[in-house]
């Protein structure tokens, strides 16, 4: 699959933080659907030191999408309280 066609499933019917997946770098869209119950789902990236940090302005509290731009590396979806979470990341071609 080329970078232009890149899509990653971050969570599938989950209620806990997911495993990291490789991000090819560049602009993308983070999307999530869930039973929210006051919860949140945040996009996180791994720093060069190995720590996962929140991506600024990439937190959802209702079904929706948010754009982001990240370097190549590992990303994951972090869940707080929400259940039945489906979360994805997809490249937005320039």
C-alpha atoms as a PDB file:
ATOM      1  CA  UNK A   1       0.000   0.000   0.000  1.00  0.00           C
ATOM      2  CA  UNK A   2       1.426   3.382  -0.919  1.00  0.00           C
ATOM      3  CA  UNK A   3       1.641   6.273   1.516  1.00  0.00           C
ATOM      4  CA  UNK A   4      -1.207   7.962  -0.383  1.00  0.00           C
ATOM      5  CA  UNK A   5      -3.482   4.988   0.362  1.00  0.00           C
ATOM      6  CA  UNK A   6      -2.386   4.559   3.997  1.00  0.00           C
ATOM      7  CA  UNK A   7      -5.139   3.882   6.526  1.00  0.00           C
ATOM      8  CA  UNK A   8      -4.612   2.436   9.996  1.00  0.00           C
ATOM      9  CA  UNK A   9      -7.103   0.923  12.393  1.00  0.00           C
ATOM     10  CA  UNK A  10      -6.095   2.176  15.842  1.00  0.00           C
ATOM     11  CA  UNK A  11      -8.999   0.648  17.798  1.00  0.00           C
ATOM     12  CA  UNK A  12     -11.836  -1.735  16.953  1.00  0.00           C
ATOM     13  CA  UNK A  13     -14.654  -2.018  19.508  1.00  0.00           C
ATOM     14  CA  UNK A  14     -12.237  -1.196  22.327  1.00  0.00           C
ATOM     15  CA  UNK A  15     -12.508   0.387  25.759  1.00  0.00           C
ATOM     16  CA  UNK A  16      -8.777   0.703  26.475  1.00  0.00           C
ATOM     17  CA  UNK A  17      -5.760   2.347  24.873  1.00  0.00           C
ATOM     18  CA  UNK A  18      -4.629   0.587  21.733  1.00  0.00           C
ATOM     19  CA  UNK A  19      -1.292  -0.678  20.499  1.00  0.00           C
ATOM     20  CA  UNK A  20       1.041   1.554  18.523  1.00  0.00           C
ATOM     21  CA  UNK A  21       1.032   1.475  14.730  1.00  0.00           C
ATOM     22  CA  UNK A  22       3.489   2.941  12.240  1.00  0.00           C
ATOM     23  CA  UNK A  23       2.623   6.356  10.774  1.00  0.00           C
ATOM     24  CA  UNK A  24       4.347   7.153   7.441  1.00  0.00           C
ATOM     25  CA  UNK A  25       4.468  10.897   8.179  1.00  0.00           C
ATOM     26  CA  UNK A  26       2.556  13.854   6.808  1.00  0.00           C
ATOM     27  CA  UNK A  27      -0.960  15.202   6.974  1.00  0.00           C
ATOM     28  CA  UNK A  28      -3.670  12.929   8.230  1.00  0.00           C
ATOM     29  CA  UNK A  29      -7.116  12.692   9.698  1.00  0.00           C
ATOM     30  CA  UNK A  30      -7.874  11.028  13.046  1.00  0.00           C
ATOM     31  CA  UNK A  31     -11.425   9.745  13.386  1.00  0.00           C
ATOM     32  CA  UNK A  32     -13.333   7.996  16.129  1.00  0.00           C
ATOM     33  CA  UNK A  33     -16.786   6.665  16.932  1.00  0.00           C
ATOM     34  CA  UNK A  34     -17.713   5.435  20.398  1.00  0.00           C
ATOM     35  CA  UNK A  35     -20.147   5.217  23.248  1.00  0.00           C
ATOM     36  CA  UNK A  36     -18.721   8.321  24.873  1.00  0.00           C
ATOM     37  CA  UNK A  37     -20.354   8.583  28.320  1.00  0.00           C
ATOM     38  CA  UNK A  38     -18.219  11.657  29.053  1.00  0.00           C
ATOM     39  CA  UNK A  39     -15.034   9.942  27.846  1.00  0.00           C
ATOM     40  CA  UNK A  40     -12.330  10.991  25.413  1.00  0.00           C
ATOM     41  CA  UNK A  41     -10.156   9.435  22.726  1.00  0.00           C
ATOM     42  CA  UNK A  42      -6.827  11.154  22.052  1.00  0.00           C
ATOM     43  CA  UNK A  43      -4.295  10.666  19.299  1.00  0.00           C
ATOM     44  CA  UNK A  44      -0.792  10.147  20.686  1.00  0.00           C
ATOM     45  CA  UNK A  45       2.639  10.009  19.051  1.00  0.00           C
ATOM     46  CA  UNK A  46       5.870   8.472  20.300  1.00  0.00           C
ATOM     47  CA  UNK A  47       8.785  10.847  20.916  1.00  0.00           C
ATOM     48  CA  UNK A  48      12.391   9.886  20.050  1.00  0.00           C
ATOM     49  CA  UNK A  49      12.860   8.988  23.748  1.00  0.00           C
ATOM     50  CA  UNK A  50      10.022   6.445  23.522  1.00  0.00           C
ATOM     51  CA  UNK A  51       7.361   8.347  25.477  1.00  0.00           C
ATOM     52  CA  UNK A  52       3.852   8.654  24.044  1.00  0.00           C
ATOM     53  CA  UNK A  53       2.504  12.215  24.195  1.00  0.00           C
ATOM     54  CA  UNK A  54      -0.840  13.727  23.225  1.00  0.00           C
ATOM     55  CA  UNK A  55      -1.019  15.345  19.790  1.00  0.00           C
ATOM     56  CA  UNK A  56      -2.217  18.933  20.310  1.00  0.00           C
ATOM     57  CA  UNK A  57      -5.842  19.475  19.266  1.00  0.00           C
ATOM     58  CA  UNK A  58      -6.345  15.778  18.415  1.00  0.00           C
ATOM     59  CA  UNK A  59      -8.773  14.804  21.157  1.00  0.00           C
ATOM     60  CA  UNK A  60     -12.395  13.788  20.559  1.00  0.00           C
ATOM     61  CA  UNK A  61     -15.326  13.671  22.991  1.00  0.00           C
ATOM     62  CA  UNK A  62     -17.962  12.815  20.356  1.00  0.00           C
ATOM     63  CA  UNK A  63     -18.024  11.018  17.013  1.00  0.00           C
ATOM     64  CA  UNK A  64     -15.928  13.037  14.594  1.00  0.00           C
ATOM     65  CA  UNK A  65     -12.644  13.785  12.900  1.00  0.00           C
ATOM     66  CA  UNK A  66      -9.643  16.033  13.428  1.00  0.00           C
ATOM     67  CA  UNK A  67      -6.754  16.855  11.089  1.00  0.00           C
ATOM     68  CA  UNK A  68      -3.104  16.511  12.128  1.00  0.00           C
ATOM     69  CA  UNK A  69       0.401  16.674  10.638  1.00  0.00           C
ATOM     70  CA  UNK A  70       3.095  14.424  12.133  1.00  0.00           C
ATOM     71  CA  UNK A  71       6.550  13.134  11.264  1.00  0.00           C
ATOM     72  CA  UNK A  72       7.026   9.406  10.587  1.00  0.00           C
ATOM     73  CA  UNK A  73       6.838   7.279  13.721  1.00  0.00           C
ATOM     74  CA  UNK A  74       4.484   5.399  16.009  1.00  0.00           C
ATOM     75  CA  UNK A  75       0.961   6.587  16.862  1.00  0.00           C
ATOM     76  CA  UNK A  76      -1.852   5.194  18.984  1.00  0.00           C
ATOM     77  CA  UNK A  77      -5.302   6.074  20.323  1.00  0.00           C
ATOM     78  CA  UNK A  78      -5.567   6.706  24.071  1.00  0.00           C
ATOM     79  CA  UNK A  79      -8.996   6.025  25.625  1.00  0.00           C
ATOM     80  CA  UNK A  80     -10.366   7.519  28.836  1.00  0.00           C
ATOM     81  CA  UNK A  81     -13.787   6.201  29.950  1.00  0.00           C
ATOM     82  CA  UNK A  82     -15.314   5.769  26.446  1.00  0.00           C
ATOM     83  CA  UNK A  83     -16.379   2.282  25.351  1.00  0.00           C
ATOM     84  CA  UNK A  84     -17.046   0.537  22.029  1.00  0.00           C
ATOM     85  CA  UNK A  85     -14.391   2.768  20.445  1.00  0.00           C
ATOM     86  CA  UNK A  86     -13.500   2.549  16.764  1.00  0.00           C
ATOM     87  CA  UNK A  87     -10.580   4.825  15.839  1.00  0.00           C
ATOM     88  CA  UNK A  88      -8.639   5.253  12.598  1.00  0.00           C
ATOM     89  CA  UNK A  89      -5.907   7.382  11.034  1.00  0.00           C
ATOM     90  CA  UNK A  90      -5.632   8.032   7.313  1.00  0.00           C
ATOM     91  CA  UNK A  91      -3.209  10.004   5.152  1.00  0.00           C
ATOM     92  CA  UNK A  92      -4.559  13.131   3.486  1.00  0.00           C
ATOM     93  CA  UNK A  93      -2.595  13.566   0.240  1.00  0.00           C
ATOM     94  CA  UNK A  94      -1.068  16.991  -0.394  1.00  0.00           C
END
